């Protein structure tokens, strides 16, 4: 039984559906990455292998919100949000605690 399950999972990994998923993951979108040790960054994120690559990245030093980090994800940075630009960031997927999608139009 276990052998059948393993073979089934391997077949799923080798199908074109998996390839399409990987391609879809490689498209950049504005996201907030919550990383280990308290680092929280925002940038144009894509997945490459085991890494998240974030371009146009800023460390979020101060959220400047009344409703938490979700507020800036949905509404963009406030007048008191403090962002420290840091360029390109590469974070291993195992160092990533969470990902929040941002409302792209609010981050222009």
N, C-alpha and C. Protein backbone atom coordinates (compact mmCIF):
# COMPACT_ATOMS: atom_id res chain seq x y z
N UNK A 1 0.82 -1.19 0.00
CA UNK A 1 0.00 0.00 0.00
C UNK A 1 0.87 1.26 0.00
N UNK A 2 1.87 1.30 0.87
CA UNK A 2 2.76 2.45 0.95
C UNK A 2 3.48 2.67 -0.38
N UNK A 3 3.89 1.58 -1.01
CA UNK A 3 4.58 1.67 -2.30
C UNK A 3 3.68 2.31 -3.34
N UNK A 4 2.39 1.98 -3.34
CA UNK A 4 1.45 2.56 -4.30
C UNK A 4 1.28 4.06 -4.06
N UNK A 5 1.23 4.45 -2.81
CA UNK A 5 1.08 5.87 -2.48
C UNK A 5 2.30 6.64 -2.95
N UNK A 6 3.47 6.11 -2.67
CA UNK A 6 4.71 6.77 -3.08
C UNK A 6 4.78 6.88 -4.60
N UNK A 7 4.46 5.80 -5.31
CA UNK A 7 4.48 5.84 -6.77
C UNK A 7 3.48 6.86 -7.31
N UNK A 8 2.32 6.94 -6.68
CA UNK A 8 1.30 7.91 -7.10
C UNK A 8 1.80 9.34 -6.91
N UNK A 9 2.44 9.59 -5.79
CA UNK A 9 2.97 10.94 -5.52
C UNK A 9 4.09 11.29 -6.49
N UNK A 10 4.93 10.33 -6.82
CA UNK A 10 6.00 10.57 -7.78
C UNK A 10 5.41 10.89 -9.15
N UNK A 11 4.37 10.16 -9.55
CA UNK A 11 3.72 10.44 -10.84
C UNK A 11 3.17 11.86 -10.86
N UNK A 12 2.56 12.29 -9.76
CA UNK A 12 2.02 13.65 -9.68
C UNK A 12 3.13 14.68 -9.85
N UNK A 13 4.28 14.42 -9.22
CA UNK A 13 5.39 15.35 -9.31
C UNK A 13 5.96 15.45 -10.72
N UNK A 14 5.83 14.40 -11.48
CA UNK A 14 6.41 14.37 -12.81
C UNK A 14 5.44 14.78 -13.91
N UNK A 15 4.20 15.15 -13.56
CA UNK A 15 3.22 15.54 -14.58
C UNK A 15 3.41 16.98 -14.99
N UNK A 16 2.77 17.34 -16.09
CA UNK A 16 2.86 18.72 -16.59
C UNK A 16 2.20 19.69 -15.64
N UNK A 17 1.24 19.25 -14.81
CA UNK A 17 0.60 20.14 -13.85
C UNK A 17 1.63 20.75 -12.91
N UNK A 18 2.58 19.94 -12.47
CA UNK A 18 3.63 20.44 -11.59
C UNK A 18 4.48 21.47 -12.31
N UNK A 19 4.82 21.21 -13.56
CA UNK A 19 5.61 22.15 -14.34
C UNK A 19 4.88 23.48 -14.47
N UNK A 20 3.56 23.43 -14.73
CA UNK A 20 2.78 24.66 -14.85
C UNK A 20 2.78 25.41 -13.53
N UNK A 21 2.69 24.72 -12.42
CA UNK A 21 2.69 25.36 -11.11
C UNK A 21 4.00 26.08 -10.87
N UNK A 22 5.11 25.44 -11.21
CA UNK A 22 6.43 26.06 -11.01
C UNK A 22 6.54 27.31 -11.86
N UNK A 23 6.06 27.27 -13.11
CA UNK A 23 6.11 28.44 -13.97
C UNK A 23 5.27 29.55 -13.36
N UNK A 24 4.08 29.21 -12.86
CA UNK A 24 3.21 30.22 -12.25
C UNK A 24 3.88 30.84 -11.03
N UNK A 25 4.63 30.05 -10.28
CA UNK A 25 5.30 30.57 -9.10
C UNK A 25 6.40 31.55 -9.46
N UNK A 26 6.94 31.49 -10.67
CA UNK A 26 8.07 32.32 -11.02
C UNK A 26 7.66 33.74 -11.42
N UNK A 27 6.36 34.02 -11.48
CA UNK A 27 5.88 35.36 -11.81
C UNK A 27 5.95 36.24 -10.57
N UNK A 28 6.54 37.42 -10.70
CA UNK A 28 6.68 38.33 -9.56
C UNK A 28 5.35 38.96 -9.20
N UNK A 29 5.12 39.11 -7.90
CA UNK A 29 3.98 39.87 -7.43
C UNK A 29 4.35 40.53 -6.12
N UNK A 30 3.71 41.65 -5.84
CA UNK A 30 4.02 42.40 -4.62
C UNK A 30 3.53 41.59 -3.42
N UNK A 31 4.48 41.26 -2.53
CA UNK A 31 4.17 40.47 -1.35
C UNK A 31 5.00 40.92 -0.17
N UNK A 32 4.46 40.67 1.01
CA UNK A 32 5.21 40.87 2.24
C UNK A 32 5.70 39.50 2.68
N UNK A 33 7.01 39.38 2.89
CA UNK A 33 7.60 38.13 3.38
C UNK A 33 7.90 38.29 4.86
N UNK A 34 7.40 37.36 5.64
CA UNK A 34 7.72 37.32 7.06
C UNK A 34 8.79 36.25 7.21
N UNK A 35 9.98 36.68 7.60
CA UNK A 35 11.12 35.79 7.66
C UNK A 35 11.50 35.49 9.10
N UNK A 36 12.34 34.50 9.28
CA UNK A 36 12.82 34.16 10.61
C UNK A 36 13.53 35.34 11.25
N UNK A 37 13.58 35.31 12.57
CA UNK A 37 14.30 36.30 13.38
C UNK A 37 13.74 37.71 13.28
N UNK A 38 12.45 37.80 12.93
CA UNK A 38 11.77 39.09 12.97
C UNK A 38 11.90 39.97 11.75
N UNK A 39 12.53 39.50 10.70
CA UNK A 39 12.66 40.31 9.49
C UNK A 39 11.36 40.27 8.71
N UNK A 40 10.88 41.44 8.32
CA UNK A 40 9.67 41.55 7.51
C UNK A 40 10.00 42.48 6.36
N UNK A 41 9.81 41.99 5.14
CA UNK A 41 10.18 42.76 3.96
C UNK A 41 9.01 42.78 2.97
N UNK A 42 9.04 43.76 2.09
CA UNK A 42 8.04 43.85 1.03
C UNK A 42 8.79 44.03 -0.29
N UNK A 43 8.30 43.37 -1.32
CA UNK A 43 8.94 43.50 -2.62
C UNK A 43 8.19 42.73 -3.68
N UNK A 44 8.76 42.72 -4.87
CA UNK A 44 8.21 41.97 -6.00
C UNK A 44 8.81 40.57 -5.94
N UNK A 45 8.02 39.61 -5.47
CA UNK A 45 8.52 38.29 -5.10
C UNK A 45 8.18 37.26 -6.16
N UNK A 46 9.16 36.39 -6.41
CA UNK A 46 8.95 35.21 -7.27
C UNK A 46 9.66 34.04 -6.62
N UNK A 47 9.31 32.83 -7.01
CA UNK A 47 9.92 31.63 -6.45
C UNK A 47 10.85 31.03 -7.49
N UNK A 48 12.07 30.72 -7.09
CA UNK A 48 13.03 30.02 -7.94
C UNK A 48 13.60 28.87 -7.15
N UNK A 49 13.19 27.66 -7.50
CA UNK A 49 13.65 26.49 -6.76
C UNK A 49 13.23 26.59 -5.30
N UNK A 50 14.20 26.50 -4.40
CA UNK A 50 13.91 26.56 -2.97
C UNK A 50 14.00 27.97 -2.40
N UNK A 51 14.10 28.98 -3.27
CA UNK A 51 14.30 30.34 -2.80
C UNK A 51 13.18 31.27 -3.26
N UNK A 52 12.88 32.23 -2.41
CA UNK A 52 12.05 33.36 -2.80
C UNK A 52 13.01 34.49 -3.15
N UNK A 53 12.84 35.05 -4.33
CA UNK A 53 13.65 36.17 -4.79
C UNK A 53 12.75 37.40 -4.77
N UNK A 54 13.18 38.41 -4.04
CA UNK A 54 12.40 39.64 -3.94
C UNK A 54 13.22 40.79 -4.53
N UNK A 55 12.64 41.46 -5.52
CA UNK A 55 13.29 42.63 -6.12
C UNK A 55 12.56 43.88 -5.67
N UNK A 56 13.23 45.02 -5.77
CA UNK A 56 12.65 46.28 -5.29
C UNK A 56 12.21 46.12 -3.84
N UNK A 57 13.05 45.49 -3.05
CA UNK A 57 12.72 45.10 -1.69
C UNK A 57 13.00 46.22 -0.70
N UNK A 58 12.13 46.30 0.31
CA UNK A 58 12.36 47.18 1.45
C UNK A 58 12.09 46.41 2.72
N UNK A 59 12.92 46.63 3.72
CA UNK A 59 12.66 46.11 5.05
C UNK A 59 11.59 47.02 5.66
N UNK A 60 10.56 46.42 6.25
CA UNK A 60 9.53 47.21 6.92
C UNK A 60 9.98 47.41 8.36
N UNK A 61 10.55 48.58 8.63
CA UNK A 61 11.08 48.87 9.97
C UNK A 61 9.95 49.25 10.92
N UNK A 62 8.96 49.97 10.41
CA UNK A 62 7.82 50.36 11.22
C UNK A 62 6.57 50.30 10.35
N UNK A 63 5.57 49.57 10.80
CA UNK A 63 4.35 49.41 9.99
C UNK A 63 3.58 50.71 9.88
N UNK A 64 3.54 51.48 10.96
CA UNK A 64 2.80 52.74 10.94
C UNK A 64 1.31 52.54 10.77
N UNK A 65 0.78 51.48 11.37
CA UNK A 65 -0.65 51.17 11.22
C UNK A 65 -1.33 51.08 12.57
N UNK A 66 -2.65 51.05 12.52
CA UNK A 66 -3.46 50.83 13.72
C UNK A 66 -4.04 49.42 13.73
N UNK A 67 -4.02 48.75 12.57
CA UNK A 67 -4.63 47.43 12.43
C UNK A 67 -3.62 46.35 12.03
N UNK A 68 -2.34 46.60 12.26
CA UNK A 68 -1.34 45.59 11.99
C UNK A 68 -0.82 45.59 10.57
N UNK A 69 -0.03 44.58 10.28
CA UNK A 69 0.65 44.51 8.99
C UNK A 69 -0.31 44.26 7.83
N UNK A 70 -1.44 43.62 8.11
CA UNK A 70 -2.43 43.40 7.06
C UNK A 70 -2.97 44.70 6.49
N UNK A 71 -2.99 45.73 7.31
CA UNK A 71 -3.48 47.03 6.87
C UNK A 71 -2.63 47.58 5.73
N UNK A 72 -1.32 47.49 5.84
CA UNK A 72 -0.49 48.01 4.74
C UNK A 72 -0.47 47.07 3.55
N UNK A 73 -0.70 45.78 3.78
CA UNK A 73 -0.80 44.85 2.65
C UNK A 73 -2.00 45.23 1.77
N UNK A 74 -3.11 45.57 2.40
CA UNK A 74 -4.33 45.90 1.67
C UNK A 74 -4.38 47.34 1.19
N UNK A 75 -3.86 48.27 2.00
CA UNK A 75 -4.02 49.70 1.71
C UNK A 75 -2.73 50.41 1.32
N UNK A 76 -1.62 49.71 1.31
CA UNK A 76 -0.34 50.33 1.00
C UNK A 76 0.25 51.01 2.22
N UNK A 77 1.47 51.51 2.08
CA UNK A 77 2.12 52.14 3.22
C UNK A 77 1.39 53.40 3.66
N UNK A 78 1.42 53.67 4.97
CA UNK A 78 0.81 54.88 5.51
C UNK A 78 1.86 55.99 5.54
N UNK A 79 1.45 57.15 5.99
CA UNK A 79 2.40 58.27 6.08
C UNK A 79 3.46 58.03 7.15
N UNK A 80 3.20 57.10 8.07
CA UNK A 80 4.17 56.82 9.14
C UNK A 80 4.87 55.47 8.98
N UNK A 81 4.59 54.76 7.88
CA UNK A 81 5.30 53.52 7.60
C UNK A 81 6.76 53.84 7.27
N UNK A 82 7.68 53.08 7.84
CA UNK A 82 9.10 53.29 7.55
C UNK A 82 9.63 52.10 6.76
N UNK A 83 10.05 52.36 5.53
CA UNK A 83 10.59 51.34 4.63
C UNK A 83 12.06 51.65 4.36
N UNK A 84 12.91 50.65 4.54
CA UNK A 84 14.34 50.79 4.27
C UNK A 84 14.70 49.98 3.04
N UNK A 85 14.91 50.65 1.88
CA UNK A 85 15.22 49.92 0.65
C UNK A 85 16.47 49.06 0.80
N UNK A 86 16.42 47.86 0.24
CA UNK A 86 17.59 46.97 0.30
C UNK A 86 17.82 46.22 -1.00
N UNK A 87 17.17 46.61 -2.08
CA UNK A 87 17.45 46.00 -3.38
C UNK A 87 16.88 44.62 -3.55
N UNK A 88 17.74 43.66 -3.89
CA UNK A 88 17.32 42.28 -4.14
C UNK A 88 17.59 41.44 -2.90
N UNK A 89 16.61 40.66 -2.51
CA UNK A 89 16.73 39.77 -1.36
C UNK A 89 16.46 38.34 -1.82
N UNK A 90 17.25 37.43 -1.33
CA UNK A 90 17.08 36.01 -1.64
C UNK A 90 16.89 35.30 -0.31
N UNK A 91 15.73 34.65 -0.09
CA UNK A 91 15.44 33.97 1.17
C UNK A 91 15.06 32.52 0.89
N UNK A 92 15.69 31.61 1.60
CA UNK A 92 15.36 30.20 1.46
C UNK A 92 13.93 29.97 1.95
N UNK A 93 13.22 29.09 1.29
CA UNK A 93 11.82 28.85 1.66
C UNK A 93 11.67 28.39 3.12
N UNK A 94 12.67 27.70 3.67
CA UNK A 94 12.59 27.24 5.05
C UNK A 94 12.80 28.38 6.05
N UNK A 95 13.31 29.51 5.58
CA UNK A 95 13.49 30.69 6.44
C UNK A 95 12.26 31.60 6.39
N UNK A 96 11.28 31.21 5.58
CA UNK A 96 10.09 32.02 5.39
C UNK A 96 8.98 31.51 6.30
N UNK A 97 8.49 32.39 7.18
CA UNK A 97 7.45 32.03 8.13
C UNK A 97 6.07 32.23 7.50
N UNK A 98 5.91 33.29 6.69
CA UNK A 98 4.63 33.57 6.07
C UNK A 98 4.76 34.54 4.92
N UNK A 99 3.73 34.57 4.08
CA UNK A 99 3.69 35.45 2.92
C UNK A 99 2.31 36.09 2.87
N UNK A 100 2.28 37.40 2.70
CA UNK A 100 1.02 38.12 2.59
C UNK A 100 0.98 38.81 1.23
N UNK A 101 -0.04 38.51 0.43
CA UNK A 101 -0.20 39.19 -0.84
C UNK A 101 -0.61 40.64 -0.61
N UNK A 102 -0.06 41.53 -1.40
CA UNK A 102 -0.38 42.95 -1.29
C UNK A 102 -1.31 43.37 -2.40
N UNK A 103 -2.07 44.41 -2.15
CA UNK A 103 -2.88 45.04 -3.19
C UNK A 103 -1.92 45.89 -4.03
N UNK A 104 -1.56 45.35 -5.21
CA UNK A 104 -0.51 45.95 -6.05
C UNK A 104 -0.73 47.44 -6.30
N UNK A 105 -1.95 47.84 -6.61
CA UNK A 105 -2.22 49.23 -6.98
C UNK A 105 -1.95 50.21 -5.84
N UNK A 106 -1.96 49.72 -4.61
CA UNK A 106 -1.75 50.60 -3.45
C UNK A 106 -0.27 50.80 -3.15
N UNK A 107 0.61 50.06 -3.84
CA UNK A 107 2.05 50.12 -3.58
C UNK A 107 2.80 50.81 -4.71
N UNK A 108 2.13 51.55 -5.55
CA UNK A 108 2.78 52.25 -6.68
C UNK A 108 3.47 53.49 -6.19
